[in-house]
Amino acid sequence: MASSTVHVPTAHASRYLQQLCKHWAHNLAVEFSETDGKVTFPRNARGADWPDDATLLLRAHDDTLECRLEASASGQLAALKDAVARHLDRFAFREAPLTFDWREA
């Protein structure tokens, strides 16, 4: 299992966490509160055929949004990092582009 974590600097972490989770709840399995979120991406999302599902775990802090991706393959991880960054930048248009310095586990 491949994983990567980023701490995105923002004063609006809880807002973006909730927006992202609500957005993806239309098509994906999502659980969230004001401070924590979990999004499950199925292994066959968007026509892909990955070995397993992938998971995005979110935690809102006072000055950062922590995002941790866990995926079954490096290609799946790369695609999801891009998707998370694009969606968060869209929700944070007033302060975009946000800083994404992903760290591999």
N, C-alpha and C. Protein backbone atom coordinates (compact mmCIF):
# COMPACT_ATOMS: atom_id res chain seq x y z
N MET A 1 0.86 -1.17 0.00
CA MET A 1 0.00 0.00 0.00
C MET A 1 0.90 1.24 0.00
N ALA A 2 0.64 2.16 -0.91
CA ALA A 2 1.37 3.42 -1.00
C ALA A 2 0.57 4.48 -0.26
N SER A 3 1.28 5.40 0.40
CA SER A 3 0.56 6.49 1.07
C SER A 3 1.37 7.77 0.99
N SER A 4 0.66 8.89 1.11
CA SER A 4 1.27 10.20 1.03
C SER A 4 0.43 11.16 1.86
N THR A 5 1.11 12.11 2.52
CA THR A 5 0.43 13.06 3.39
C THR A 5 0.86 14.48 3.04
N VAL A 6 -0.08 15.41 3.15
CA VAL A 6 0.22 16.83 2.95
C VAL A 6 -0.50 17.62 4.04
N HIS A 7 0.15 18.70 4.47
CA HIS A 7 -0.45 19.66 5.40
C HIS A 7 -0.60 20.97 4.61
N VAL A 8 -1.82 21.26 4.20
CA VAL A 8 -2.10 22.42 3.36
C VAL A 8 -2.37 23.64 4.24
N PRO A 9 -1.53 24.67 4.14
CA PRO A 9 -1.74 25.86 4.97
C PRO A 9 -3.02 26.60 4.56
N THR A 10 -3.93 26.77 5.51
CA THR A 10 -5.16 27.53 5.29
C THR A 10 -5.84 27.78 6.62
N ALA A 11 -6.48 28.92 6.74
CA ALA A 11 -7.27 29.24 7.93
C ALA A 11 -8.70 28.70 7.81
N HIS A 12 -9.02 28.06 6.68
CA HIS A 12 -10.38 27.59 6.41
C HIS A 12 -10.43 26.07 6.24
N ALA A 13 -9.63 25.35 6.99
CA ALA A 13 -9.50 23.90 6.83
C ALA A 13 -10.83 23.17 7.00
N SER A 14 -11.58 23.51 8.02
CA SER A 14 -12.85 22.83 8.26
C SER A 14 -13.83 23.07 7.12
N ARG A 15 -13.90 24.28 6.64
CA ARG A 15 -14.81 24.60 5.53
C ARG A 15 -14.45 23.78 4.28
N TYR A 16 -13.16 23.74 3.94
CA TYR A 16 -12.75 23.02 2.74
C TYR A 16 -12.93 21.50 2.90
N LEU A 17 -12.67 21.00 4.10
CA LEU A 17 -12.89 19.58 4.37
C LEU A 17 -14.36 19.23 4.11
N GLN A 18 -15.26 20.03 4.65
CA GLN A 18 -16.69 19.75 4.50
C GLN A 18 -17.14 19.91 3.05
N GLN A 19 -16.64 20.93 2.36
CA GLN A 19 -17.00 21.12 0.95
C GLN A 19 -16.54 19.93 0.11
N LEU A 20 -15.31 19.51 0.32
CA LEU A 20 -14.77 18.39 -0.44
C LEU A 20 -15.57 17.12 -0.18
N CYS A 21 -15.87 16.86 1.07
CA CYS A 21 -16.63 15.65 1.41
C CYS A 21 -18.05 15.70 0.85
N LYS A 22 -18.71 16.84 0.96
CA LYS A 22 -20.06 16.96 0.40
C LYS A 22 -20.04 16.79 -1.11
N HIS A 23 -19.04 17.36 -1.76
CA HIS A 23 -18.92 17.25 -3.21
C HIS A 23 -18.79 15.79 -3.63
N TRP A 24 -17.91 15.05 -2.97
CA TRP A 24 -17.68 13.66 -3.36
C TRP A 24 -18.72 12.70 -2.82
N ALA A 25 -19.55 13.13 -1.87
CA ALA A 25 -20.58 12.26 -1.32
C ALA A 25 -21.64 11.89 -2.35
N HIS A 26 -21.73 12.63 -3.44
CA HIS A 26 -22.70 12.33 -4.49
C HIS A 26 -22.35 11.03 -5.21
N ASN A 27 -21.05 10.67 -5.26
CA ASN A 27 -20.63 9.50 -6.04
C ASN A 27 -19.81 8.49 -5.26
N LEU A 28 -19.34 8.87 -4.08
CA LEU A 28 -18.41 8.02 -3.35
C LEU A 28 -18.88 7.80 -1.92
N ALA A 29 -18.29 6.80 -1.26
CA ALA A 29 -18.57 6.56 0.16
C ALA A 29 -17.79 7.60 0.98
N VAL A 30 -18.54 8.41 1.75
CA VAL A 30 -17.93 9.52 2.49
C VAL A 30 -18.49 9.56 3.91
N GLU A 31 -17.60 9.84 4.86
CA GLU A 31 -17.98 10.10 6.25
C GLU A 31 -17.24 11.37 6.66
N PHE A 32 -17.93 12.29 7.37
CA PHE A 32 -17.21 13.49 7.79
C PHE A 32 -17.91 14.21 8.93
N SER A 33 -17.11 14.99 9.64
CA SER A 33 -17.59 15.92 10.66
C SER A 33 -16.90 17.25 10.37
N GLU A 34 -16.96 18.20 11.29
CA GLU A 34 -16.30 19.48 11.08
C GLU A 34 -14.78 19.36 11.10
N THR A 35 -14.28 18.30 11.74
CA THR A 35 -12.82 18.18 11.91
C THR A 35 -12.18 16.99 11.21
N ASP A 36 -12.97 15.98 10.85
CA ASP A 36 -12.41 14.77 10.25
C ASP A 36 -13.25 14.30 9.08
N GLY A 37 -12.59 13.70 8.11
CA GLY A 37 -13.30 13.17 6.96
C GLY A 37 -12.62 11.93 6.41
N LYS A 38 -13.42 11.11 5.74
CA LYS A 38 -12.90 9.91 5.08
C LYS A 38 -13.66 9.73 3.77
N VAL A 39 -12.91 9.60 2.69
CA VAL A 39 -13.48 9.38 1.36
C VAL A 39 -12.88 8.10 0.81
N THR A 40 -13.73 7.19 0.34
CA THR A 40 -13.26 5.95 -0.25
C THR A 40 -13.47 6.00 -1.75
N PHE A 41 -12.37 5.83 -2.49
CA PHE A 41 -12.41 5.80 -3.95
C PHE A 41 -12.40 4.34 -4.39
N PRO A 42 -13.42 3.87 -5.10
CA PRO A 42 -13.44 2.47 -5.52
C PRO A 42 -12.32 2.17 -6.51
N ARG A 43 -11.89 0.94 -6.51
CA ARG A 43 -10.76 0.54 -7.35
C ARG A 43 -11.04 0.75 -8.83
N ASN A 44 -12.30 0.79 -9.22
CA ASN A 44 -12.65 0.97 -10.64
C ASN A 44 -13.18 2.37 -10.93
N ALA A 45 -12.81 3.36 -10.10
CA ALA A 45 -13.28 4.73 -10.29
C ALA A 45 -12.81 5.27 -11.64
N ARG A 46 -13.72 5.92 -12.34
CA ARG A 46 -13.44 6.55 -13.64
C ARG A 46 -12.78 5.62 -14.64
N GLY A 47 -13.22 4.37 -14.63
CA GLY A 47 -12.73 3.42 -15.62
C GLY A 47 -11.38 2.81 -15.31
N ALA A 48 -10.78 3.18 -14.21
CA ALA A 48 -9.49 2.60 -13.83
C ALA A 48 -9.70 1.18 -13.34
N ASP A 49 -8.64 0.44 -13.26
CA ASP A 49 -8.72 -0.92 -12.74
C ASP A 49 -7.56 -1.15 -11.79
N TRP A 50 -7.64 -0.53 -10.60
CA TRP A 50 -6.60 -0.65 -9.60
C TRP A 50 -6.83 -1.91 -8.78
N PRO A 51 -5.80 -2.42 -8.13
CA PRO A 51 -5.96 -3.65 -7.33
C PRO A 51 -6.94 -3.51 -6.17
N ASP A 52 -6.99 -2.33 -5.53
CA ASP A 52 -7.85 -2.14 -4.36
C ASP A 52 -8.42 -0.73 -4.33
N ASP A 53 -9.39 -0.52 -3.42
CA ASP A 53 -9.91 0.82 -3.19
C ASP A 53 -8.81 1.71 -2.62
N ALA A 54 -9.00 3.01 -2.71
CA ALA A 54 -8.08 3.99 -2.11
C ALA A 54 -8.88 4.81 -1.10
N THR A 55 -8.16 5.40 -0.16
CA THR A 55 -8.80 6.16 0.91
C THR A 55 -8.12 7.52 1.08
N LEU A 56 -8.94 8.54 1.28
CA LEU A 56 -8.47 9.87 1.63
C LEU A 56 -8.95 10.15 3.05
N LEU A 57 -8.01 10.42 3.96
CA LEU A 57 -8.34 10.79 5.33
C LEU A 57 -8.01 12.27 5.50
N LEU A 58 -8.94 13.02 6.07
CA LEU A 58 -8.80 14.47 6.23
C LEU A 58 -8.91 14.85 7.70
N ARG A 59 -8.13 15.84 8.11
CA ARG A 59 -8.24 16.38 9.46
C ARG A 59 -8.00 17.88 9.39
N ALA A 60 -8.97 18.63 9.93
CA ALA A 60 -8.86 20.09 9.96
C ALA A 60 -8.16 20.52 11.24
N HIS A 61 -7.11 21.31 11.09
CA HIS A 61 -6.40 21.93 12.21
C HIS A 61 -6.66 23.43 12.12
N ASP A 62 -6.20 24.18 13.12
CA ASP A 62 -6.43 25.63 13.12
C ASP A 62 -5.86 26.34 11.90
N ASP A 63 -4.68 25.91 11.44
CA ASP A 63 -4.03 26.62 10.34
C ASP A 63 -3.62 25.73 9.17
N THR A 64 -4.05 24.47 9.19
CA THR A 64 -3.74 23.56 8.08
C THR A 64 -4.86 22.53 7.90
N LEU A 65 -4.94 22.02 6.68
CA LEU A 65 -5.79 20.88 6.38
C LEU A 65 -4.86 19.71 6.09
N GLU A 66 -4.93 18.69 6.90
CA GLU A 66 -4.11 17.50 6.73
C GLU A 66 -4.85 16.50 5.85
N CYS A 67 -4.19 16.06 4.79
CA CYS A 67 -4.77 15.09 3.86
C CYS A 67 -3.83 13.90 3.76
N ARG A 68 -4.35 12.69 3.99
CA ARG A 68 -3.54 11.49 3.86
C ARG A 68 -4.22 10.55 2.87
N LEU A 69 -3.50 10.21 1.82
CA LEU A 69 -4.00 9.29 0.81
C LEU A 69 -3.35 7.94 0.99
N GLU A 70 -4.14 6.89 0.90
CA GLU A 70 -3.65 5.52 0.93
C GLU A 70 -4.20 4.82 -0.31
N ALA A 71 -3.29 4.29 -1.12
CA ALA A 71 -3.69 3.69 -2.39
C ALA A 71 -2.93 2.40 -2.62
N SER A 72 -3.43 1.59 -3.53
CA SER A 72 -2.83 0.29 -3.80
C SER A 72 -1.70 0.34 -4.81
N ALA A 73 -1.59 1.43 -5.55
CA ALA A 73 -0.56 1.53 -6.59
C ALA A 73 -0.09 2.97 -6.71
N SER A 74 1.15 3.16 -7.14
CA SER A 74 1.70 4.51 -7.23
C SER A 74 0.95 5.36 -8.25
N GLY A 75 0.50 4.77 -9.35
CA GLY A 75 -0.27 5.52 -10.34
C GLY A 75 -1.60 6.00 -9.78
N GLN A 76 -2.23 5.16 -8.99
CA GLN A 76 -3.48 5.52 -8.33
C GLN A 76 -3.24 6.66 -7.34
N LEU A 77 -2.15 6.58 -6.60
CA LEU A 77 -1.80 7.62 -5.63
C LEU A 77 -1.55 8.95 -6.33
N ALA A 78 -0.80 8.93 -7.41
CA ALA A 78 -0.50 10.16 -8.16
C ALA A 78 -1.78 10.80 -8.71
N ALA A 79 -2.66 9.99 -9.26
CA ALA A 79 -3.91 10.52 -9.82
C ALA A 79 -4.78 11.14 -8.72
N LEU A 80 -4.83 10.51 -7.56
CA LEU A 80 -5.66 11.05 -6.48
C LEU A 80 -5.05 12.30 -5.85
N LYS A 81 -3.72 12.37 -5.76
CA LYS A 81 -3.09 13.60 -5.27
C LYS A 81 -3.47 14.77 -6.16
N ASP A 82 -3.45 14.55 -7.46
CA ASP A 82 -3.83 15.60 -8.41
C ASP A 82 -5.30 15.98 -8.24
N ALA A 83 -6.17 14.99 -8.09
CA ALA A 83 -7.60 15.26 -7.93
C ALA A 83 -7.88 16.05 -6.66
N VAL A 84 -7.25 15.67 -5.55
CA VAL A 84 -7.44 16.38 -4.29
C VAL A 84 -6.98 17.83 -4.43
N ALA A 85 -5.80 18.04 -4.99
CA ALA A 85 -5.27 19.40 -5.15
C ALA A 85 -6.17 20.26 -6.04
N ARG A 86 -6.61 19.71 -7.16
CA ARG A 86 -7.47 20.48 -8.07
C ARG A 86 -8.78 20.88 -7.40
N HIS A 87 -9.41 19.94 -6.69
CA HIS A 87 -10.68 20.23 -6.04
C HIS A 87 -10.51 21.25 -4.91
N LEU A 88 -9.48 21.09 -4.10
CA LEU A 88 -9.28 22.04 -3.01
C LEU A 88 -8.97 23.43 -3.54
N ASP A 89 -8.17 23.52 -4.59
CA ASP A 89 -7.89 24.83 -5.19
C ASP A 89 -9.17 25.48 -5.72
N ARG A 90 -10.05 24.69 -6.27
CA ARG A 90 -11.32 25.22 -6.77
C ARG A 90 -12.17 25.78 -5.62
N PHE A 91 -12.23 25.05 -4.50
CA PHE A 91 -13.01 25.51 -3.36
C PHE A 91 -12.35 26.71 -2.68
N ALA A 92 -11.04 26.80 -2.75
CA ALA A 92 -10.28 27.86 -2.09
C ALA A 92 -9.88 28.94 -3.08
N PHE A 93 -10.74 29.24 -4.04
CA PHE A 93 -10.36 30.15 -5.13
C PHE A 93 -9.88 31.51 -4.63
N ARG A 94 -10.33 31.96 -3.47
CA ARG A 94 -9.88 33.26 -2.95
C ARG A 94 -8.42 33.23 -2.49
N GLU A 95 -7.94 32.07 -2.11
CA GLU A 95 -6.55 31.96 -1.65
C GLU A 95 -5.72 30.99 -2.50
N ALA A 96 -6.28 30.53 -3.60
CA ALA A 96 -5.58 29.59 -4.48
C ALA A 96 -4.49 30.32 -5.26
N PRO A 97 -3.45 29.63 -5.67
CA PRO A 97 -3.28 28.20 -5.46
C PRO A 97 -2.74 27.91 -4.06
N LEU A 98 -3.29 26.86 -3.46
CA LEU A 98 -2.81 26.40 -2.17
C LEU A 98 -1.48 25.68 -2.35
N THR A 99 -0.76 25.51 -1.26
CA THR A 99 0.54 24.84 -1.29
C THR A 99 0.36 23.37 -0.97
N PHE A 100 0.82 22.51 -1.88
CA PHE A 100 0.74 21.05 -1.70
C PHE A 100 2.15 20.47 -1.77
N ASP A 101 2.68 20.11 -0.62
CA ASP A 101 4.00 19.51 -0.53
C ASP A 101 3.81 18.09 0.01
N TRP A 102 3.39 17.19 -0.87
CA TRP A 102 3.10 15.80 -0.48
C TRP A 102 4.35 15.10 0.01
N ARG A 103 4.20 14.32 1.07
CA ARG A 103 5.30 13.52 1.63
C ARG A 103 4.90 12.06 1.58
N GLU A 104 5.73 11.28 0.91
CA GLU A 104 5.48 9.85 0.82
C GLU A 104 5.78 9.18 2.16
N ALA A 105 4.97 8.22 2.53
CA ALA A 105 5.18 7.51 3.81
C ALA A 105 6.26 6.45 3.65
